[in-house]
PDB file of N, CA and C in Angstrom:
ATOM      1  N   MET A   1     -16.111   3.033  14.309  1.00  0.00           N
ATOM      2  CA  MET A   1     -15.579   2.860  12.960  1.00  0.00           C
ATOM      3  C   MET A   1     -14.372   3.765  12.730  1.00  0.00           C
ATOM      4  N   ALA A   2     -14.490   5.040  13.097  1.00  0.00           N
ATOM      5  CA  ALA A   2     -13.379   5.971  12.903  1.00  0.00           C
ATOM      6  C   ALA A   2     -12.161   5.517  13.690  1.00  0.00           C
ATOM      7  N   GLU A   3     -12.365   4.997  14.898  1.00  0.00           N
ATOM      8  CA  GLU A   3     -11.245   4.527  15.712  1.00  0.00           C
ATOM      9  C   GLU A   3     -10.529   3.365  15.045  1.00  0.00           C
ATOM     10  N   SER A   4     -11.292   2.428  14.461  1.00  0.00           N
ATOM     11  CA  SER A   4     -10.656   1.288  13.799  1.00  0.00           C
ATOM     12  C   SER A   4      -9.895   1.749  12.559  1.00  0.00           C
ATOM     13  N   LEU A   5     -10.428   2.754  11.843  1.00  0.00           N
ATOM     14  CA  LEU A   5      -9.705   3.284  10.686  1.00  0.00           C
ATOM     15  C   LEU A   5      -8.447   4.009  11.120  1.00  0.00           C
ATOM     16  N   ASN A   6      -8.500   4.722  12.252  1.00  0.00           N
ATOM     17  CA  ASN A   6      -7.301   5.372  12.757  1.00  0.00           C
ATOM     18  C   ASN A   6      -6.248   4.340  13.139  1.00  0.00           C
ATOM     19  N   GLY A   7      -6.675   3.273  13.807  1.00  0.00           N
ATOM     20  CA  GLY A   7      -5.754   2.195  14.153  1.00  0.00           C
ATOM     21  C   GLY A   7      -5.193   1.524  12.919  1.00  0.00           C
ATOM     22  N   LEU A   8      -6.039   1.330  11.941  1.00  0.00           N
ATOM     23  CA  LEU A   8      -5.600   0.745  10.681  1.00  0.00           C
ATOM     24  C   LEU A   8      -4.575   1.648  10.019  1.00  0.00           C
ATOM     25  N   SER A   9      -4.840   2.920  10.000  1.00  0.00           N
ATOM     26  CA  SER A   9      -3.904   3.856   9.386  1.00  0.00           C
ATOM     27  C   SER A   9      -2.554   3.828  10.086  1.00  0.00           C
ATOM     28  N   ARG A  10      -2.566   3.760  11.415  1.00  0.00           N
ATOM     29  CA  ARG A  10      -1.298   3.687  12.154  1.00  0.00           C
ATOM     30  C   ARG A  10      -0.540   2.422  11.782  1.00  0.00           C
ATOM     31  N   ASP A  11      -1.242   1.301  11.732  1.00  0.00           N
ATOM     32  CA  ASP A  11      -0.597   0.037  11.383  1.00  0.00           C
ATOM     33  C   ASP A  11      -0.039   0.089   9.961  1.00  0.00           C
ATOM     34  N   LEU A  12      -0.841   0.600   9.042  1.00  0.00           N
ATOM     35  CA  LEU A  12      -0.377   0.696   7.661  1.00  0.00           C
ATOM     36  C   LEU A  12       0.798   1.657   7.535  1.00  0.00           C
ATOM     37  N   ARG A  13       0.723   2.793   8.206  1.00  0.00           N
ATOM     38  CA  ARG A  13       1.842   3.746   8.158  1.00  0.00           C
ATOM     39  C   ARG A  13       3.121   3.110   8.672  1.00  0.00           C
ATOM     40  N   GLN A  14       3.017   2.339   9.756  1.00  0.00           N
ATOM     41  CA  GLN A  14       4.194   1.671  10.302  1.00  0.00           C
ATOM     42  C   GLN A  14       4.752   0.653   9.308  1.00  0.00           C
ATOM     43  N   ARG A  15       3.875  -0.126   8.720  1.00  0.00           N
ATOM     44  CA  ARG A  15       4.334  -1.114   7.730  1.00  0.00           C
ATOM     45  C   ARG A  15       4.968  -0.435   6.524  1.00  0.00           C
ATOM     46  N   LEU A  16       4.367   0.666   6.092  1.00  0.00           N
ATOM     47  CA  LEU A  16       4.902   1.393   4.941  1.00  0.00           C
ATOM     48  C   LEU A  16       6.244   2.041   5.259  1.00  0.00           C
ATOM     49  N   ARG A  17       6.365   2.627   6.447  1.00  0.00           N
ATOM     50  CA  ARG A  17       7.655   3.216   6.847  1.00  0.00           C
ATOM     51  C   ARG A  17       8.730   2.142   6.892  1.00  0.00           C
ATOM     52  N   ASP A  18       8.377   0.992   7.458  1.00  0.00           N
ATOM     53  CA  ASP A  18       9.329  -0.110   7.541  1.00  0.00           C
ATOM     54  C   ASP A  18       9.758  -0.557   6.144  1.00  0.00           C
ATOM     55  N   LEU A  19       8.792  -0.726   5.271  1.00  0.00           N
ATOM     56  CA  LEU A  19       9.092  -1.157   3.905  1.00  0.00           C
ATOM     57  C   LEU A  19       9.919  -0.102   3.170  1.00  0.00           C
ATOM     58  N   ASP A  20       9.503   1.148   3.283  1.00  0.00           N
ATOM     59  CA  ASP A  20      10.211   2.230   2.609  1.00  0.00           C
ATOM     60  C   ASP A  20      11.644   2.356   3.120  1.00  0.00           C
ATOM     61  N   GLY A  21      11.830   2.227   4.421  1.00  0.00           N
ATOM     62  CA  GLY A  21      13.160   2.355   5.004  1.00  0.00           C
ATOM     63  C   GLY A  21      14.087   1.203   4.684  1.00  0.00           C
ATOM     64  N   ARG A  22      13.523   0.056   4.399  1.00  0.00           N
ATOM     65  CA  ARG A  22      14.350  -1.133   4.165  1.00  0.00           C
ATOM     66  C   ARG A  22      14.312  -1.639   2.730  1.00  0.00           C
ATOM     67  N   ALA A  23      13.555  -0.996   1.866  1.00  0.00           N
ATOM     68  CA  ALA A  23      13.338  -1.508   0.506  1.00  0.00           C
ATOM     69  C   ALA A  23      14.634  -1.713  -0.269  1.00  0.00           C
ATOM     70  N   GLU A  24      15.593  -0.831  -0.078  1.00  0.00           N
ATOM     71  CA  GLU A  24      16.860  -0.967  -0.808  1.00  0.00           C
ATOM     72  C   GLU A  24      17.617  -2.237  -0.440  1.00  0.00           C
ATOM     73  N   ARG A  25      17.394  -2.719   0.776  1.00  0.00           N
ATOM     74  CA  ARG A  25      18.116  -3.907   1.245  1.00  0.00           C
ATOM     75  C   ARG A  25      17.310  -5.192   1.102  1.00  0.00           C
ATOM     76  N   LEU A  26      16.038  -5.079   0.770  1.00  0.00           N
ATOM     77  CA  LEU A  26      15.186  -6.257   0.671  1.00  0.00           C
ATOM     78  C   LEU A  26      15.223  -6.855  -0.726  1.00  0.00           C
ATOM     79  N   SER A  27      15.062  -8.142  -0.794  1.00  0.00           N
ATOM     80  CA  SER A  27      14.967  -8.800  -2.091  1.00  0.00           C
ATOM     81  C   SER A  27      13.575  -8.541  -2.671  1.00  0.00           C
ATOM     82  N   PRO A  28      13.437  -8.704  -3.983  1.00  0.00           N
ATOM     83  CA  PRO A  28      12.106  -8.567  -4.575  1.00  0.00           C
ATOM     84  C   PRO A  28      11.067  -9.495  -3.933  1.00  0.00           C
ATOM     85  N   LEU A  29      11.475 -10.691  -3.551  1.00  0.00           N
ATOM     86  CA  LEU A  29      10.533 -11.614  -2.903  1.00  0.00           C
ATOM     87  C   LEU A  29      10.108 -11.107  -1.525  1.00  0.00           C
ATOM     88  N   ASP A  30      11.041 -10.489  -0.794  1.00  0.00           N
ATOM     89  CA  ASP A  30      10.683  -9.914   0.505  1.00  0.00           C
ATOM     90  C   ASP A  30       9.717  -8.747   0.331  1.00  0.00           C
ATOM     91  N   ILE A  31       9.972  -7.900  -0.652  1.00  0.00           N
ATOM     92  CA  ILE A  31       9.076  -6.774  -0.916  1.00  0.00           C
ATOM     93  C   ILE A  31       7.694  -7.299  -1.287  1.00  0.00           C
ATOM     94  N   HIS A  32       7.667  -8.309  -2.139  1.00  0.00           N
ATOM     95  CA  HIS A  32       6.399  -8.924  -2.534  1.00  0.00           C
ATOM     96  C   HIS A  32       5.641  -9.424  -1.306  1.00  0.00           C
ATOM     97  N   ALA A  33       6.331 -10.129  -0.429  1.00  0.00           N
ATOM     98  CA  ALA A  33       5.683 -10.683   0.764  1.00  0.00           C
ATOM     99  C   ALA A  33       5.134  -9.578   1.670  1.00  0.00           C
ATOM    100  N   ARG A  34       5.885  -8.497   1.816  1.00  0.00           N
ATOM    101  CA  ARG A  34       5.423  -7.393   2.671  1.00  0.00           C
ATOM    102  C   ARG A  34       4.206  -6.693   2.063  1.00  0.00           C
ATOM    103  N   MET A  35       4.216  -6.493   0.750  1.00  0.00           N
ATOM    104  CA  MET A  35       3.061  -5.873   0.105  1.00  0.00           C
ATOM    105  C   MET A  35       1.862  -6.815   0.157  1.00  0.00           C
ATOM    106  N   ASP A  36       2.107  -8.105   0.066  1.00  0.00           N
ATOM    107  CA  ASP A  36       1.008  -9.061   0.156  1.00  0.00           C
ATOM    108  C   ASP A  36       0.399  -9.054   1.566  1.00  0.00           C
ATOM    109  N   ALA A  37       1.231  -8.848   2.580  1.00  0.00           N
ATOM    110  CA  ALA A  37       0.717  -8.741   3.951  1.00  0.00           C
ATOM    111  C   ALA A  37      -0.150  -7.486   4.096  1.00  0.00           C
ATOM    112  N   ILE A  38       0.251  -6.396   3.462  1.00  0.00           N
ATOM    113  CA  ILE A  38      -0.557  -5.182   3.467  1.00  0.00           C
ATOM    114  C   ILE A  38      -1.873  -5.433   2.731  1.00  0.00           C
ATOM    115  N   ARG A  39      -1.815  -6.175   1.626  1.00  0.00           N
ATOM    116  CA  ARG A  39      -3.031  -6.522   0.890  1.00  0.00           C
ATOM    117  C   ARG A  39      -3.974  -7.331   1.773  1.00  0.00           C
ATOM    118  N   ASP A  40      -3.429  -8.299   2.501  1.00  0.00           N
ATOM    119  CA  ASP A  40      -4.256  -9.097   3.419  1.00  0.00           C
ATOM    120  C   ASP A  40      -4.941  -8.216   4.457  1.00  0.00           C
ATOM    121  N   LEU A  41      -4.215  -7.262   4.994  1.00  0.00           N
ATOM    122  CA  LEU A  41      -4.791  -6.341   5.968  1.00  0.00           C
ATOM    123  C   LEU A  41      -5.926  -5.537   5.336  1.00  0.00           C
ATOM    124  N   ALA A  42      -5.722  -5.095   4.114  1.00  0.00           N
ATOM    125  CA  ALA A  42      -6.753  -4.329   3.409  1.00  0.00           C
ATOM    126  C   ALA A  42      -7.999  -5.177   3.153  1.00  0.00           C
ATOM    127  N   VAL A  43      -7.799  -6.422   2.767  1.00  0.00           N
ATOM    128  CA  VAL A  43      -8.930  -7.334   2.532  1.00  0.00           C
ATOM    129  C   VAL A  43      -9.722  -7.507   3.823  1.00  0.00           C
ATOM    130  N   ARG A  44      -9.021  -7.748   4.886  1.00  0.00           N
ATOM    131  CA  ARG A  44      -9.668  -7.991   6.176  1.00  0.00           C
ATOM    132  C   ARG A  44     -10.491  -6.784   6.629  1.00  0.00           C
ATOM    133  N   ASP A  45     -10.017  -5.579   6.293  1.00  0.00           N
ATOM    134  CA  ASP A  45     -10.700  -4.369   6.738  1.00  0.00           C
ATOM    135  C   ASP A  45     -11.577  -3.727   5.669  1.00  0.00           C
ATOM    136  N   GLY A  46     -11.764  -4.430   4.537  1.00  0.00           N
ATOM    137  CA  GLY A  46     -12.683  -3.950   3.516  1.00  0.00           C
ATOM    138  C   GLY A  46     -12.226  -2.716   2.758  1.00  0.00           C
ATOM    139  N   LEU A  47     -10.929  -2.535   2.605  1.00  0.00           N
ATOM    140  CA  LEU A  47     -10.381  -1.391   1.865  1.00  0.00           C
ATOM    141  C   LEU A  47     -10.004  -1.841   0.453  1.00  0.00           C
ATOM    142  N   GLY A  48     -10.998  -1.852  -0.418  1.00  0.00           N
ATOM    143  CA  GLY A  48     -10.810  -2.362  -1.776  1.00  0.00           C
ATOM    144  C   GLY A  48      -9.745  -1.637  -2.568  1.00  0.00           C
ATOM    145  N   GLY A  49      -9.678  -0.320  -2.453  1.00  0.00           N
ATOM    146  CA  GLY A  49      -8.666   0.445  -3.189  1.00  0.00           C
ATOM    147  C   GLY A  49      -7.266   0.069  -2.765  1.00  0.00           C
ATOM    148  N   LEU A  50      -7.050  -0.059  -1.467  1.00  0.00           N
ATOM    149  CA  LEU A  50      -5.730  -0.443  -0.971  1.00  0.00           C
ATOM    150  C   LEU A  50      -5.414  -1.881  -1.347  1.00  0.00           C
ATOM    151  N   GLU A  51      -6.413  -2.725  -1.317  1.00  0.00           N
ATOM    152  CA  GLU A  51      -6.206  -4.120  -1.716  1.00  0.00           C
ATOM    153  C   GLU A  51      -5.692  -4.187  -3.159  1.00  0.00           C
ATOM    154  N   ASP A  52      -6.353  -3.470  -4.061  1.00  0.00           N
ATOM    155  CA  ASP A  52      -5.926  -3.472  -5.467  1.00  0.00           C
ATOM    156  C   ASP A  52      -4.526  -2.904  -5.637  1.00  0.00           C
ATOM    157  N   LEU A  53      -4.251  -1.802  -4.955  1.00  0.00           N
ATOM    158  CA  LEU A  53      -2.939  -1.174  -5.070  1.00  0.00           C
ATOM    159  C   LEU A  53      -1.843  -2.075  -4.501  1.00  0.00           C
ATOM    160  N   ALA A  54      -2.101  -2.707  -3.375  1.00  0.00           N
ATOM    161  CA  ALA A  54      -1.111  -3.600  -2.775  1.00  0.00           C
ATOM    162  C   ALA A  54      -0.881  -4.829  -3.652  1.00  0.00           C
ATOM    163  N   ARG A  55      -1.941  -5.358  -4.254  1.00  0.00           N
ATOM    164  CA  ARG A  55      -1.790  -6.512  -5.153  1.00  0.00           C
ATOM    165  C   ARG A  55      -0.910  -6.134  -6.348  1.00  0.00           C
ATOM    166  N   CYS A  56      -1.208  -4.991  -6.939  1.00  0.00           N
ATOM    167  CA  CYS A  56      -0.427  -4.519  -8.080  1.00  0.00           C
ATOM    168  C   CYS A  56       1.022  -4.268  -7.672  1.00  0.00           C
ATOM    169  N   SER A  57       1.215  -3.660  -6.522  1.00  0.00           N
ATOM    170  CA  SER A  57       2.563  -3.369  -6.035  1.00  0.00           C
ATOM    171  C   SER A  57       3.344  -4.644  -5.773  1.00  0.00           C
ATOM    172  N   ALA A  58       2.680  -5.636  -5.217  1.00  0.00           N
ATOM    173  CA  ALA A  58       3.345  -6.913  -4.963  1.00  0.00           C
ATOM    174  C   ALA A  58       3.815  -7.537  -6.277  1.00  0.00           C
ATOM    175  N   GLN A  59       2.993  -7.429  -7.312  1.00  0.00           N
ATOM    176  CA  GLN A  59       3.384  -7.959  -8.616  1.00  0.00           C
ATOM    177  C   GLN A  59       4.535  -7.151  -9.211  1.00  0.00           C
ATOM    178  N   LEU A  60       4.475  -5.826  -9.067  1.00  0.00           N
ATOM    179  CA  LEU A  60       5.550  -4.972  -9.578  1.00  0.00           C
ATOM    180  C   LEU A  60       6.883  -5.282  -8.906  1.00  0.00           C
ATOM    181  N   ALA A  61       6.826  -5.696  -7.659  1.00  0.00           N
ATOM    182  CA  ALA A  61       8.052  -5.981  -6.914  1.00  0.00           C
ATOM    183  C   ALA A  61       8.867  -7.089  -7.552  1.00  0.00           C
ATOM    184  N   LEU A  62       8.224  -7.928  -8.333  1.00  0.00           N
ATOM    185  CA  LEU A  62       8.919  -9.057  -8.951  1.00  0.00           C
ATOM    186  C   LEU A  62       9.479  -8.727 -10.330  1.00  0.00           C
ATOM    187  N   LEU A  63       9.266  -7.511 -10.802  1.00  0.00           N
ATOM    188  CA  LEU A  63       9.719  -7.107 -12.129  1.00  0.00           C
ATOM    189  C   LEU A  63      10.993  -6.275 -12.054  1.00  0.00           C
ATOM    190  N   PRO A  64      11.781  -6.259 -13.141  1.00  0.00           N
ATOM    191  CA  PRO A  64      12.956  -5.380 -13.177  1.00  0.00           C
ATOM    192  C   PRO A  64      12.511  -3.922 -12.986  1.00  0.00           C
ATOM    193  N   GLY A  65      13.308  -3.153 -12.286  1.00  0.00           N
ATOM    194  CA  GLY A  65      12.974  -1.763 -12.046  1.00  0.00           C
ATOM    195  C   GLY A  65      11.962  -1.571 -10.937  1.00  0.00           C
ATOM    196  N   CYS A  66      11.788  -2.601 -10.124  1.00  0.00           N
ATOM    197  CA  CYS A  66      10.735  -2.565  -9.110  1.00  0.00           C
ATOM    198  C   CYS A  66      10.948  -1.473  -8.073  1.00  0.00           C
ATOM    199  N   ARG A  67      12.168  -1.070  -7.820  1.00  0.00           N
ATOM    200  CA  ARG A  67      12.419  -0.067  -6.773  1.00  0.00           C
ATOM    201  C   ARG A  67      11.724   1.259  -7.097  1.00  0.00           C
ATOM    202  N   VAL A  68      11.778   1.676  -8.351  1.00  0.00           N
ATOM    203  CA  VAL A  68      11.146   2.932  -8.753  1.00  0.00           C
ATOM    204  C   VAL A  68       9.624   2.809  -8.666  1.00  0.00           C
ATOM    205  N   ALA A  69       9.087   1.725  -9.192  1.00  0.00           N
ATOM    206  CA  ALA A  69       7.636   1.513  -9.166  1.00  0.00           C
ATOM    207  C   ALA A  69       7.125   1.401  -7.734  1.00  0.00           C
ATOM    208  N   MET A  70       7.859   0.708  -6.884  1.00  0.00           N
ATOM    209  CA  MET A  70       7.437   0.546  -5.495  1.00  0.00           C
ATOM    210  C   MET A  70       7.449   1.876  -4.760  1.00  0.00           C
ATOM    211  N   ALA A  71       8.474   2.680  -5.000  1.00  0.00           N
ATOM    212  CA  ALA A  71       8.538   3.989  -4.344  1.00  0.00           C
ATOM    213  C   ALA A  71       7.332   4.834  -4.721  1.00  0.00           C
ATOM    214  N   GLU A  72       6.933   4.778  -5.977  1.00  0.00           N
ATOM    215  CA  GLU A  72       5.769   5.540  -6.447  1.00  0.00           C
ATOM    216  C   GLU A  72       4.492   5.024  -5.790  1.00  0.00           C
ATOM    217  N   CYS A  73       4.319   3.728  -5.729  1.00  0.00           N
ATOM    218  CA  CYS A  73       3.130   3.151  -5.097  1.00  0.00           C
ATOM    219  C   CYS A  73       3.074   3.500  -3.619  1.00  0.00           C
ATOM    220  N   LEU A  74       4.194   3.395  -2.930  1.00  0.00           N
ATOM    221  CA  LEU A  74       4.220   3.706  -1.504  1.00  0.00           C
ATOM    222  C   LEU A  74       3.895   5.166  -1.249  1.00  0.00           C
ATOM    223  N   SER A  75       4.345   6.030  -2.141  1.00  0.00           N
ATOM    224  CA  SER A  75       4.043   7.449  -2.014  1.00  0.00           C
ATOM    225  C   SER A  75       2.538   7.696  -2.108  1.00  0.00           C
ATOM    226  N   HIS A  76       1.895   7.037  -3.049  1.00  0.00           N
ATOM    227  CA  HIS A  76       0.450   7.202  -3.220  1.00  0.00           C
ATOM    228  C   HIS A  76      -0.329   6.642  -2.036  1.00  0.00           C
ATOM    229  N   VAL A  77       0.119   5.541  -1.491  1.00  0.00           N
ATOM    230  CA  VAL A  77      -0.549   4.981  -0.317  1.00  0.00           C
ATOM    231  C   VAL A  77      -0.422   5.958   0.847  1.00  0.00           C
ATOM    232  N   GLY A  78       0.757   6.543   1.014  1.00  0.00           N
ATOM    233  CA  GLY A  78       0.942   7.537   2.060  1.00  0.00           C
ATOM    234  C   GLY A  78       0.017   8.726   1.886  1.00  0.00           C
ATOM    235  N   ASP A  79      -0.138   9.184   0.645  1.00  0.00           N
ATOM    236  CA  ASP A  79      -1.059  10.289   0.366  1.00  0.00           C
ATOM    237  C   ASP A  79      -2.493   9.909   0.750  1.00  0.00           C
ATOM    238  N   ALA A  80      -2.880   8.705   0.411  1.00  0.00           N
ATOM    239  CA  ALA A  80      -4.246   8.260   0.710  1.00  0.00           C
ATOM    240  C   ALA A  80      -4.476   8.176   2.214  1.00  0.00           C
ATOM    241  N   LEU A  81      -3.490   7.693   2.949  1.00  0.00           N
ATOM    242  CA  LEU A  81      -3.650   7.575   4.391  1.00  0.00           C
ATOM    243  C   LEU A  81      -3.737   8.941   5.067  1.00  0.00           C
ATOM    244  N   ALA A  82      -3.238   9.962   4.401  1.00  0.00           N
ATOM    245  CA  ALA A  82      -3.312  11.322   4.944  1.00  0.00           C
ATOM    246  C   ALA A  82      -4.642  11.997   4.615  1.00  0.00           C
ATOM    247  N   ALA A  83      -5.499  11.340   3.858  1.00  0.00           N
ATOM    248  CA  ALA A  83      -6.790  11.922   3.469  1.00  0.00           C
ATOM    249  C   ALA A  83      -7.646  12.182   4.702  1.00  0.00           C
ATOM    250  N   ASP A  84      -8.549  13.135   4.557  1.00  0.00           N
ATOM    251  CA  ASP A  84      -9.385  13.574   5.678  1.00  0.00           C
ATOM    252  C   ASP A  84     -10.500  12.596   6.046  1.00  0.00           C
ATOM    253  N   SER A  85     -10.929  11.782   5.102  1.00  0.00           N
ATOM    254  CA  SER A  85     -12.055  10.892   5.397  1.00  0.00           C
ATOM    255  C   SER A  85     -11.820   9.523   4.757  1.00  0.00           C
ATOM    256  N   PRO A  86     -12.514   8.510   5.256  1.00  0.00           N
ATOM    257  CA  PRO A  86     -12.397   7.184   4.644  1.00  0.00           C
ATOM    258  C   PRO A  86     -12.785   7.196   3.159  1.00  0.00           C
ATOM    259  N   GLY A  87     -13.778   7.995   2.805  1.00  0.00           N
ATOM    260  CA  GLY A  87     -14.187   8.069   1.402  1.00  0.00           C
ATOM    261  C   GLY A  87     -13.095   8.643   0.519  1.00  0.00           C
ATOM    262  N   GLN A  88     -12.438   9.691   0.993  1.00  0.00           N
ATOM    263  CA  GLN A  88     -11.334  10.274   0.231  1.00  0.00           C
ATOM    264  C   GLN A  88     -10.174   9.284   0.128  1.00  0.00           C
ATOM    265  N   ARG A  89      -9.921   8.586   1.213  1.00  0.00           N
ATOM    266  CA  ARG A  89      -8.842   7.593   1.236  1.00  0.00           C
ATOM    267  C   ARG A  89      -9.086   6.531   0.166  1.00  0.00           C
ATOM    268  N   GLU A  90     -10.290   5.992   0.151  1.00  0.00           N
ATOM    269  CA  GLU A  90     -10.624   4.960  -0.835  1.00  0.00           C
ATOM    270  C   GLU A  90     -10.575   5.513  -2.257  1.00  0.00           C
ATOM    271  N   ALA A  91     -11.019   6.748  -2.451  1.00  0.00           N
ATOM    272  CA  ALA A  91     -11.002   7.348  -3.789  1.00  0.00           C
ATOM    273  C   ALA A  91      -9.577   7.484  -4.316  1.00  0.00           C
ATOM    274  N   VAL A  92      -8.658   7.933  -3.479  1.00  0.00           N
ATOM    275  CA  VAL A  92      -7.253   8.070  -3.905  1.00  0.00           C
ATOM    276  C   VAL A  92      -6.680   6.703  -4.250  1.00  0.00           C
ATOM    277  N   LEU A  93      -6.882   5.729  -3.374  1.00  0.00           N
ATOM    278  CA  LEU A  93      -6.334   4.390  -3.610  1.00  0.00           C
ATOM    279  C   LEU A  93      -6.932   3.736  -4.851  1.00  0.00           C
ATOM    280  N   ALA A  94      -8.234   3.891  -5.029  1.00  0.00           N
ATOM    281  CA  ALA A  94      -8.886   3.300  -6.197  1.00  0.00           C
ATOM    282  C   ALA A  94      -8.392   3.948  -7.486  1.00  0.00           C
ATOM    283  N   ALA A  95      -8.227   5.265  -7.473  1.00  0.00           N
ATOM    284  CA  ALA A  95      -7.743   5.957  -8.675  1.00  0.00           C
ATOM    285  C   ALA A  95      -6.343   5.507  -9.046  1.00  0.00           C
ATOM    286  N   VAL A  96      -5.480   5.361  -8.070  1.00  0.00           N
ATOM    287  CA  VAL A  96      -4.107   4.912  -8.350  1.00  0.00           C
ATOM    288  C   VAL A  96      -4.118   3.472  -8.844  1.00  0.00           C
ATOM    289  N   ALA A  97      -4.904   2.615  -8.182  1.00  0.00           N
ATOM    290  CA  ALA A  97      -4.955   1.208  -8.592  1.00  0.00           C
ATOM    291  C   ALA A  97      -5.459   1.070 -10.024  1.00  0.00           C
ATOM    292  N   ILE A  98      -6.475   1.850 -10.379  1.00  0.00           N
ATOM    293  CA  ILE A  98      -7.011   1.807 -11.748  1.00  0.00           C
ATOM    294  C   ILE A  98      -5.952   2.268 -12.744  1.00  0.00           C
ATOM    295  N   ARG A  99      -5.239   3.329 -12.405  1.00  0.00           N
ATOM    296  CA  ARG A  99      -4.217   3.858 -13.308  1.00  0.00           C
ATOM    297  C   ARG A  99      -3.085   2.863 -13.530  1.00  0.00           C
ATOM    298  N   LEU A 100      -2.775   2.069 -12.500  1.00  0.00           N
ATOM    299  CA  LEU A 100      -1.679   1.110 -12.619  1.00  0.00           C
ATOM    300  C   LEU A 100      -2.065  -0.147 -13.387  1.00  0.00           C
ATOM    301  N   HIS A 101      -3.356  -0.427 -13.502  1.00  0.00           N
ATOM    302  CA  HIS A 101      -3.786  -1.658 -14.216  1.00  0.00           C
ATOM    303  C   HIS A 101      -3.644  -1.477 -15.655  1.00  0.00           C
TER     304      HIS A 101
END
């Protein structure tokens, strides 16, 4: 289980770095699609907090001012992925997702 979470974290970190590095050049629809792909990954791996945060972020990407909101969401996801345990990771993601709703 820990190995799959480590692999998941690496994949998510790579996707987040890619999105963060290219967000200024991507259209809102591209950002939405990338966040939706992250949401799909979270659903598949049972990470409810990340699923909620990615869904919210994907919706924010379609609104005016999305660059600021997306940067904030990506920062929180990065913080969660740096957590020491899966429980802490889910707690951070769930708290952020709840706050954004």
